[in-house]
N, C-alpha and C. Protein backbone atom coordinates (compact mmCIF):
# COMPACT_ATOMS: atom_id res chain seq x y z
N MET A 1 -2.49 -34.01 4.45
CA MET A 1 -3.11 -32.94 3.70
C MET A 1 -2.39 -32.81 2.36
N ASP A 2 -3.11 -32.61 1.31
CA ASP A 2 -2.54 -32.56 -0.03
C ASP A 2 -2.47 -31.14 -0.58
N ALA A 3 -2.12 -30.18 0.23
CA ALA A 3 -2.00 -28.81 -0.25
C ALA A 3 -0.77 -28.71 -1.15
N ALA A 4 -0.88 -27.94 -2.21
CA ALA A 4 0.23 -27.77 -3.13
C ALA A 4 1.38 -27.02 -2.46
N LEU A 5 2.62 -27.42 -2.79
CA LEU A 5 3.78 -26.72 -2.25
C LEU A 5 3.86 -25.35 -2.90
N VAL A 6 3.76 -24.32 -2.08
CA VAL A 6 3.78 -22.94 -2.57
C VAL A 6 5.23 -22.47 -2.72
N THR A 7 6.03 -22.69 -1.68
CA THR A 7 7.43 -22.26 -1.70
C THR A 7 8.19 -22.99 -0.62
N GLN A 8 9.50 -22.86 -0.66
CA GLN A 8 10.33 -23.39 0.42
C GLN A 8 11.50 -22.46 0.66
N TRP A 9 11.90 -22.39 1.93
CA TRP A 9 12.99 -21.51 2.34
C TRP A 9 13.95 -22.28 3.22
N THR A 10 15.13 -21.71 3.42
CA THR A 10 16.11 -22.25 4.37
C THR A 10 16.50 -21.13 5.32
N PHE A 11 16.42 -21.43 6.61
CA PHE A 11 16.88 -20.50 7.64
C PHE A 11 18.22 -21.04 8.16
N PHE A 12 19.27 -20.21 8.11
CA PHE A 12 20.61 -20.68 8.47
C PHE A 12 20.98 -20.43 9.92
N GLU A 13 20.69 -19.24 10.41
CA GLU A 13 21.02 -18.91 11.79
C GLU A 13 20.21 -17.69 12.23
N GLU A 14 20.05 -17.55 13.55
CA GLU A 14 19.34 -16.38 14.05
C GLU A 14 20.26 -15.18 13.94
N VAL A 15 19.69 -14.04 13.54
CA VAL A 15 20.44 -12.80 13.36
C VAL A 15 19.69 -11.67 14.06
N PRO A 16 20.35 -10.54 14.26
CA PRO A 16 19.63 -9.39 14.82
C PRO A 16 18.50 -8.96 13.86
N ILE A 17 17.45 -8.43 14.43
CA ILE A 17 16.32 -7.96 13.61
C ILE A 17 16.80 -6.79 12.76
N PRO A 18 16.64 -6.87 11.43
CA PRO A 18 17.11 -5.77 10.56
C PRO A 18 16.42 -4.46 10.92
N SER A 19 17.18 -3.38 10.93
CA SER A 19 16.62 -2.08 11.33
C SER A 19 15.58 -1.57 10.34
N ASP A 20 15.71 -1.95 9.07
CA ASP A 20 14.77 -1.45 8.07
C ASP A 20 13.44 -2.21 8.03
N VAL A 21 13.27 -3.21 8.91
CA VAL A 21 12.01 -3.97 8.91
C VAL A 21 10.85 -3.10 9.40
N ALA A 22 11.14 -2.05 10.12
CA ALA A 22 10.09 -1.18 10.65
C ALA A 22 9.19 -0.64 9.54
N SER A 23 9.76 -0.44 8.36
CA SER A 23 8.96 0.09 7.24
C SER A 23 7.93 -0.92 6.72
N LEU A 24 8.05 -2.19 7.12
CA LEU A 24 7.12 -3.23 6.68
C LEU A 24 6.01 -3.51 7.69
N LEU A 25 6.15 -2.97 8.88
CA LEU A 25 5.23 -3.32 9.97
C LEU A 25 4.02 -2.39 10.02
N VAL A 26 2.87 -2.98 10.37
CA VAL A 26 1.66 -2.19 10.56
C VAL A 26 1.62 -1.70 12.01
N GLN A 27 0.72 -0.79 12.28
CA GLN A 27 0.60 -0.24 13.63
C GLN A 27 0.35 -1.36 14.63
N GLY A 28 1.12 -1.39 15.70
CA GLY A 28 0.96 -2.38 16.75
C GLY A 28 1.70 -3.69 16.50
N GLU A 29 2.29 -3.87 15.32
CA GLU A 29 3.03 -5.09 15.00
C GLU A 29 4.46 -4.95 15.51
N GLU A 30 4.96 -6.01 16.15
CA GLU A 30 6.31 -5.99 16.71
C GLU A 30 7.14 -7.14 16.17
N PRO A 31 8.41 -6.90 15.83
CA PRO A 31 9.27 -8.01 15.41
C PRO A 31 9.76 -8.79 16.63
N TYR A 32 9.78 -10.13 16.52
CA TYR A 32 10.22 -10.97 17.63
C TYR A 32 11.59 -11.61 17.40
N ALA A 33 11.83 -12.09 16.16
CA ALA A 33 13.08 -12.78 15.86
C ALA A 33 13.33 -12.74 14.37
N ALA A 34 14.61 -12.82 13.98
CA ALA A 34 14.97 -12.82 12.56
C ALA A 34 15.98 -13.93 12.31
N PHE A 35 15.93 -14.47 11.09
CA PHE A 35 16.81 -15.56 10.70
C PHE A 35 17.38 -15.27 9.32
N LYS A 36 18.66 -15.61 9.14
CA LYS A 36 19.32 -15.43 7.85
C LYS A 36 18.78 -16.48 6.88
N THR A 37 18.41 -16.03 5.68
CA THR A 37 18.03 -16.93 4.61
C THR A 37 19.15 -16.91 3.58
N PHE A 38 18.95 -17.55 2.45
CA PHE A 38 20.01 -17.64 1.44
C PHE A 38 20.51 -16.26 1.02
N ARG A 39 19.59 -15.33 0.71
CA ARG A 39 20.01 -14.01 0.25
C ARG A 39 19.48 -12.85 1.07
N ASP A 40 18.75 -13.13 2.15
CA ASP A 40 18.19 -12.02 2.91
C ASP A 40 17.81 -12.49 4.30
N SER A 41 16.56 -12.25 4.73
CA SER A 41 16.17 -12.63 6.08
C SER A 41 14.68 -12.95 6.17
N ALA A 42 14.36 -13.67 7.25
CA ALA A 42 12.97 -13.98 7.59
C ALA A 42 12.74 -13.41 8.98
N ILE A 43 11.61 -12.74 9.17
CA ILE A 43 11.32 -12.10 10.44
C ILE A 43 9.98 -12.59 10.97
N PHE A 44 9.99 -13.11 12.19
CA PHE A 44 8.75 -13.46 12.88
C PHE A 44 8.30 -12.22 13.63
N THR A 45 7.06 -11.80 13.39
CA THR A 45 6.51 -10.64 14.10
C THR A 45 5.34 -11.10 14.95
N SER A 46 4.70 -10.16 15.58
CA SER A 46 3.52 -10.49 16.39
C SER A 46 2.32 -10.88 15.54
N LYS A 47 2.36 -10.61 14.22
CA LYS A 47 1.20 -10.86 13.36
C LYS A 47 1.46 -11.80 12.20
N ARG A 48 2.74 -11.98 11.79
CA ARG A 48 3.02 -12.75 10.58
C ARG A 48 4.49 -13.13 10.48
N LEU A 49 4.77 -13.96 9.50
CA LEU A 49 6.13 -14.29 9.10
C LEU A 49 6.41 -13.51 7.82
N ILE A 50 7.46 -12.71 7.83
CA ILE A 50 7.87 -11.93 6.66
C ILE A 50 9.18 -12.54 6.15
N VAL A 51 9.22 -12.92 4.88
CA VAL A 51 10.45 -13.43 4.28
C VAL A 51 10.83 -12.51 3.14
N ARG A 52 12.02 -11.92 3.26
CA ARG A 52 12.53 -11.04 2.22
C ARG A 52 13.51 -11.83 1.36
N ASP A 53 13.38 -11.68 0.05
CA ASP A 53 14.21 -12.42 -0.88
C ASP A 53 14.84 -11.45 -1.88
N SER A 54 16.11 -11.11 -1.67
CA SER A 54 16.83 -10.25 -2.61
C SER A 54 17.06 -11.02 -3.90
N GLN A 55 16.92 -10.33 -5.02
CA GLN A 55 17.03 -11.00 -6.32
C GLN A 55 17.95 -10.21 -7.24
N GLY A 56 18.32 -10.84 -8.32
CA GLY A 56 19.15 -10.17 -9.32
C GLY A 56 20.61 -10.13 -8.92
N MET A 57 21.42 -9.61 -9.82
CA MET A 57 22.87 -9.55 -9.60
C MET A 57 23.24 -8.63 -8.44
N THR A 58 22.55 -7.52 -8.30
CA THR A 58 22.91 -6.54 -7.27
C THR A 58 22.12 -6.75 -5.97
N GLY A 59 21.04 -7.52 -6.04
CA GLY A 59 20.22 -7.73 -4.85
C GLY A 59 19.33 -6.56 -4.52
N LYS A 60 19.22 -5.59 -5.43
CA LYS A 60 18.39 -4.42 -5.16
C LYS A 60 16.91 -4.71 -5.37
N LYS A 61 16.60 -5.71 -6.18
CA LYS A 61 15.21 -6.13 -6.36
C LYS A 61 14.88 -7.08 -5.21
N VAL A 62 13.83 -6.75 -4.47
CA VAL A 62 13.48 -7.55 -3.29
C VAL A 62 12.02 -7.98 -3.38
N GLU A 63 11.81 -9.30 -3.27
CA GLU A 63 10.45 -9.83 -3.19
C GLU A 63 10.16 -10.11 -1.72
N ILE A 64 8.97 -9.71 -1.26
CA ILE A 64 8.61 -9.90 0.14
C ILE A 64 7.40 -10.82 0.23
N TYR A 65 7.56 -11.90 0.99
CA TYR A 65 6.47 -12.82 1.26
C TYR A 65 5.94 -12.50 2.65
N SER A 66 4.64 -12.51 2.81
CA SER A 66 4.01 -12.24 4.09
C SER A 66 3.01 -13.35 4.38
N VAL A 67 3.24 -14.10 5.46
CA VAL A 67 2.35 -15.19 5.84
C VAL A 67 1.69 -14.81 7.16
N PRO A 68 0.45 -14.32 7.11
CA PRO A 68 -0.25 -14.00 8.36
C PRO A 68 -0.49 -15.27 9.17
N TYR A 69 -0.28 -15.21 10.45
CA TYR A 69 -0.50 -16.38 11.29
C TYR A 69 -1.93 -16.87 11.20
N SER A 70 -2.87 -15.96 10.93
CA SER A 70 -4.27 -16.36 10.83
C SER A 70 -4.53 -17.30 9.65
N SER A 71 -3.59 -17.36 8.68
CA SER A 71 -3.77 -18.24 7.52
C SER A 71 -3.21 -19.63 7.76
N ILE A 72 -2.51 -19.84 8.88
CA ILE A 72 -1.91 -21.15 9.15
C ILE A 72 -2.95 -22.08 9.76
N ASN A 73 -3.21 -23.20 9.05
CA ASN A 73 -4.18 -24.20 9.51
C ASN A 73 -3.52 -25.25 10.39
N MET A 74 -2.26 -25.58 10.07
CA MET A 74 -1.54 -26.62 10.78
C MET A 74 -0.05 -26.43 10.52
N TRP A 75 0.80 -26.89 11.45
CA TRP A 75 2.23 -26.87 11.21
C TRP A 75 2.87 -28.07 11.87
N SER A 76 4.05 -28.41 11.39
CA SER A 76 4.83 -29.48 12.01
C SER A 76 6.28 -29.03 12.10
N THR A 77 6.99 -29.52 13.12
CA THR A 77 8.42 -29.27 13.24
C THR A 77 9.09 -30.60 13.48
N GLU A 78 10.26 -30.75 12.88
CA GLU A 78 11.02 -31.98 13.02
C GLU A 78 12.46 -31.60 13.28
N ASN A 79 12.99 -32.05 14.43
CA ASN A 79 14.38 -31.73 14.72
C ASN A 79 15.29 -32.61 13.87
N ALA A 80 16.53 -32.16 13.68
CA ALA A 80 17.50 -32.93 12.91
C ALA A 80 17.94 -34.14 13.72
N GLY A 81 18.04 -35.27 13.06
CA GLY A 81 18.56 -36.47 13.71
C GLY A 81 20.08 -36.49 13.62
N ARG A 82 20.67 -37.59 14.01
CA ARG A 82 22.13 -37.68 13.99
C ARG A 82 22.70 -37.56 12.58
N LEU A 83 22.02 -38.09 11.59
CA LEU A 83 22.53 -38.06 10.22
C LEU A 83 21.92 -36.95 9.38
N ASP A 84 20.88 -36.29 9.89
CA ASP A 84 20.24 -35.21 9.14
C ASP A 84 21.05 -33.94 9.25
N MET A 85 21.09 -33.17 8.18
CA MET A 85 21.79 -31.89 8.21
C MET A 85 20.92 -30.78 8.77
N ASN A 86 19.63 -30.84 8.49
CA ASN A 86 18.73 -29.75 8.86
C ASN A 86 17.49 -30.27 9.55
N ALA A 87 16.95 -29.44 10.42
CA ALA A 87 15.62 -29.67 10.96
C ALA A 87 14.64 -29.16 9.90
N GLU A 88 13.36 -29.41 10.09
CA GLU A 88 12.38 -28.99 9.09
C GLU A 88 11.10 -28.50 9.74
N ILE A 89 10.54 -27.48 9.13
CA ILE A 89 9.24 -26.94 9.54
C ILE A 89 8.34 -26.98 8.32
N GLU A 90 7.11 -27.38 8.52
CA GLU A 90 6.14 -27.34 7.44
C GLU A 90 4.91 -26.58 7.92
N LEU A 91 4.44 -25.67 7.06
CA LEU A 91 3.25 -24.88 7.35
C LEU A 91 2.20 -25.21 6.30
N TRP A 92 0.99 -25.51 6.75
CA TRP A 92 -0.13 -25.68 5.84
C TRP A 92 -1.01 -24.45 6.01
N THR A 93 -1.14 -23.68 4.93
CA THR A 93 -1.89 -22.43 4.99
C THR A 93 -3.04 -22.47 4.00
N ARG A 94 -3.86 -21.44 4.04
CA ARG A 94 -4.95 -21.33 3.06
C ARG A 94 -4.41 -21.21 1.65
N ALA A 95 -3.18 -20.70 1.50
CA ALA A 95 -2.57 -20.54 0.17
C ALA A 95 -1.90 -21.82 -0.31
N GLY A 96 -1.57 -22.71 0.60
CA GLY A 96 -0.89 -23.95 0.25
C GLY A 96 0.15 -24.33 1.29
N HIS A 97 1.07 -25.18 0.90
CA HIS A 97 2.04 -25.81 1.77
C HIS A 97 3.39 -25.09 1.65
N ILE A 98 4.03 -24.79 2.77
CA ILE A 98 5.33 -24.12 2.80
C ILE A 98 6.30 -24.99 3.59
N LYS A 99 7.49 -25.24 3.03
CA LYS A 99 8.53 -26.00 3.73
C LYS A 99 9.68 -25.07 4.08
N ILE A 100 10.20 -25.25 5.29
CA ILE A 100 11.33 -24.46 5.76
C ILE A 100 12.38 -25.42 6.31
N SER A 101 13.58 -25.40 5.73
CA SER A 101 14.71 -26.14 6.29
C SER A 101 15.39 -25.25 7.31
N VAL A 102 15.79 -25.83 8.43
CA VAL A 102 16.37 -25.05 9.52
C VAL A 102 17.78 -25.56 9.79
N GLY A 103 18.76 -24.67 9.69
CA GLY A 103 20.16 -25.03 9.90
C GLY A 103 20.46 -25.46 11.32
N LYS A 104 21.62 -26.10 11.49
CA LYS A 104 22.02 -26.65 12.79
C LYS A 104 22.22 -25.59 13.87
N LYS A 105 22.43 -24.34 13.48
CA LYS A 105 22.67 -23.28 14.46
C LYS A 105 21.38 -22.75 15.07
N ILE A 106 20.24 -23.30 14.64
CA ILE A 106 18.95 -22.80 15.11
C ILE A 106 18.23 -23.89 15.90
N ASP A 107 17.65 -23.50 17.01
CA ASP A 107 16.82 -24.40 17.81
C ASP A 107 15.42 -24.43 17.20
N VAL A 108 15.08 -25.54 16.54
CA VAL A 108 13.79 -25.64 15.85
C VAL A 108 12.63 -25.51 16.85
N ARG A 109 12.84 -25.91 18.08
CA ARG A 109 11.77 -25.80 19.09
C ARG A 109 11.50 -24.33 19.43
N ARG A 110 12.50 -23.47 19.31
CA ARG A 110 12.27 -22.02 19.50
C ARG A 110 11.32 -21.50 18.43
N ILE A 111 11.53 -21.92 17.19
CA ILE A 111 10.64 -21.48 16.11
C ILE A 111 9.25 -22.09 16.31
N ASP A 112 9.19 -23.32 16.74
CA ASP A 112 7.90 -23.96 17.04
C ASP A 112 7.13 -23.13 18.05
N MET A 113 7.80 -22.65 19.09
CA MET A 113 7.14 -21.83 20.11
C MET A 113 6.75 -20.46 19.58
N LEU A 114 7.57 -19.87 18.70
CA LEU A 114 7.20 -18.59 18.08
C LEU A 114 5.89 -18.76 17.29
N ILE A 115 5.81 -19.83 16.52
CA ILE A 115 4.59 -20.08 15.73
C ILE A 115 3.42 -20.37 16.64
N ALA A 116 3.62 -21.26 17.62
CA ALA A 116 2.53 -21.64 18.53
C ALA A 116 1.99 -20.44 19.28
N ASN A 117 2.87 -19.63 19.84
CA ASN A 117 2.40 -18.44 20.58
C ASN A 117 1.64 -17.49 19.68
N SER A 118 2.12 -17.32 18.47
CA SER A 118 1.47 -16.37 17.55
C SER A 118 0.16 -16.89 16.99
N VAL A 119 0.12 -18.17 16.62
CA VAL A 119 -1.10 -18.75 16.03
C VAL A 119 -2.15 -18.99 17.11
N LEU A 120 -1.78 -19.61 18.20
CA LEU A 120 -2.74 -20.04 19.20
C LEU A 120 -3.22 -18.90 20.10
N LEU A 121 -2.35 -17.97 20.42
CA LEU A 121 -2.74 -16.88 21.31
C LEU A 121 -3.47 -15.76 20.57
N ASN A 122 -3.37 -15.74 19.24
CA ASN A 122 -4.04 -14.71 18.46
C ASN A 122 -5.29 -15.21 17.73
N SER A 123 -5.69 -16.45 18.03
CA SER A 123 -6.87 -16.98 17.32
C SER A 123 -8.11 -16.91 18.16
C-alpha cells in the first residue's frame, strides 16, 4: 500500500496509565495500556490510540493525536531480531501510514493483540 507516512512514534516501555487521561476519554471509553514515548505517553483505549506529545522548552504545550480503531485498514507487527534494536508496528489508516518503533522492554505481540482485539471486535 502506498499511503503517505503521516507520523512516526517510538514506544520505550509500558508505564502506568496516566491519571489525567480521564479528561480525554468519552463516555464508555476505557484505558487499557500506556507506553512511554520520547516526551510523553501513548494510551491504548477501548476506542482509539491516543498519543500525547509535549512540546516546547517547558513541555506545557501538548499536541494530542487520536487514531480511532475504526480508521485502521491494516496493520503489521515485526518483532526485533538478534541484531535489531527495536520491533516495529505499522498502521495503515484512512489518514495515511503510521510507523511505531517499539523498544526492547515491550512485548510487540501484546500491542498486536491490543490492536487486534480493538479493531476486530469493534468492527
